[in-house]
Protein backbone atom coordinates (compact mmCIF):
# COMPACT_ATOMS: atom_id res chain seq x y z
CA MET A 1 86.23 102.35 84.70
CA THR A 2 89.49 104.26 85.29
CA VAL A 3 89.51 103.31 88.99
CA THR A 4 89.12 99.65 88.06
CA GLY A 5 92.01 99.91 85.61
CA VAL A 6 94.24 101.59 88.18
CA MET A 7 93.39 98.98 90.80
CA GLY A 8 94.00 96.16 88.34
CA PHE A 9 97.39 97.68 87.45
CA ALA A 10 98.24 98.06 91.17
CA ILE A 11 97.31 94.44 91.87
CA GLY A 12 99.55 93.31 89.02
CA LEU A 13 102.40 95.44 90.34
CA VAL A 14 102.06 94.06 93.83
CA THR A 15 101.96 90.53 92.46
CA VAL A 16 105.27 91.08 90.60
CA MET A 17 106.79 92.52 93.79
CA GLN A 18 105.61 89.56 95.88
CA VAL A 19 106.93 86.96 93.43
CA LYS A 20 110.32 88.81 93.29
CA ALA A 21 110.55 88.89 97.11
CA THR A 22 109.43 85.27 97.63
CA SER A 23 108.70 82.73 94.95
CA PRO A 24 105.87 81.82 92.57
CA LEU A 25 104.91 78.93 94.84
CA THR A 26 104.67 81.19 97.89
CA HIS A 27 102.49 83.60 95.88
CA ASN A 28 100.20 80.79 94.83
CA ILE A 29 99.87 79.47 98.39
CA SER A 30 99.13 82.88 99.80
CA GLY A 31 96.42 83.38 97.14
CA THR A 32 94.85 80.01 97.96
CA ALA A 33 94.91 80.78 101.69
CA LYS A 34 93.30 84.14 101.05
CA ALA A 35 90.48 82.47 99.08
CA ALA A 36 89.90 79.99 101.94
CA VAL A 37 89.56 82.82 104.46
CA GLN A 38 87.20 84.64 102.11
CA SER A 39 85.09 81.47 102.00
CA LEU A 40 84.93 81.39 105.81
CA LEU A 41 83.88 85.01 105.82
CA ALA A 42 81.11 84.24 103.30
CA PHE A 43 79.69 81.64 105.69
CA TYR A 44 79.60 84.28 108.48
CA ILE A 45 78.57 87.41 106.57
CA TRP A 46 76.15 86.07 103.93
CA GLY A 47 75.08 82.88 105.66
CA ASN A 48 76.22 80.64 102.84
CA GLU A 49 75.53 76.96 103.39
CA ALA A 50 78.58 75.18 104.84
CA THR A 51 78.98 71.55 103.86
CA LEU A 52 81.24 69.20 105.76
CA LYS A 53 83.33 68.60 102.67
CA GLY A 54 83.71 72.36 102.01
CA VAL A 55 84.65 73.19 105.57
CA LEU A 56 87.20 70.34 105.75
CA GLY A 57 88.71 71.58 102.51
CA ILE A 58 89.00 75.14 103.80
CA PHE A 59 90.72 74.04 107.04
CA LEU A 60 92.99 71.71 105.08
CA VAL A 61 94.06 74.68 102.93
CA ILE A 62 94.63 76.93 106.00
CA PHE A 63 96.54 74.16 107.84
CA GLY A 64 98.69 73.39 104.77
CA SER A 65 99.43 77.12 104.21
CA GLY A 66 100.45 77.48 107.85
CA LEU A 67 102.66 74.42 107.67
CA TYR A 68 104.31 75.73 104.48
CA THR A 69 104.94 79.10 106.23
CA TRP A 70 106.44 77.35 109.27
CA VAL A 71 108.76 75.25 107.15
CA GLN A 72 109.81 78.30 105.08
CA MET A 73 110.59 80.28 108.24
CA PHE A 74 113.00 77.60 109.48
CA SER A 75 114.58 77.13 106.06
CA VAL A 76 115.33 80.86 105.85
CA HIS A 77 116.96 80.84 109.27
CA LYS A 78 119.26 77.93 108.32
CA LYS A 79 120.68 79.73 105.28
């Protein structure tokens, strides 16, 4: 239980650091992209059933996250 508490505290600390370095929107988008990649891994590792709607949603999230990252990279260089 102590390890779980320490890990939870560390995750909270890293979350605050990420939001300070970027923005709350960027933190939210990175979390959503992470969840999409975890879903892809679940298909591969545990053999979860992949529906067309689910796979399209996952790739839409990954594409949108990549597009957001690309736009952010160019906006930082322009400042």
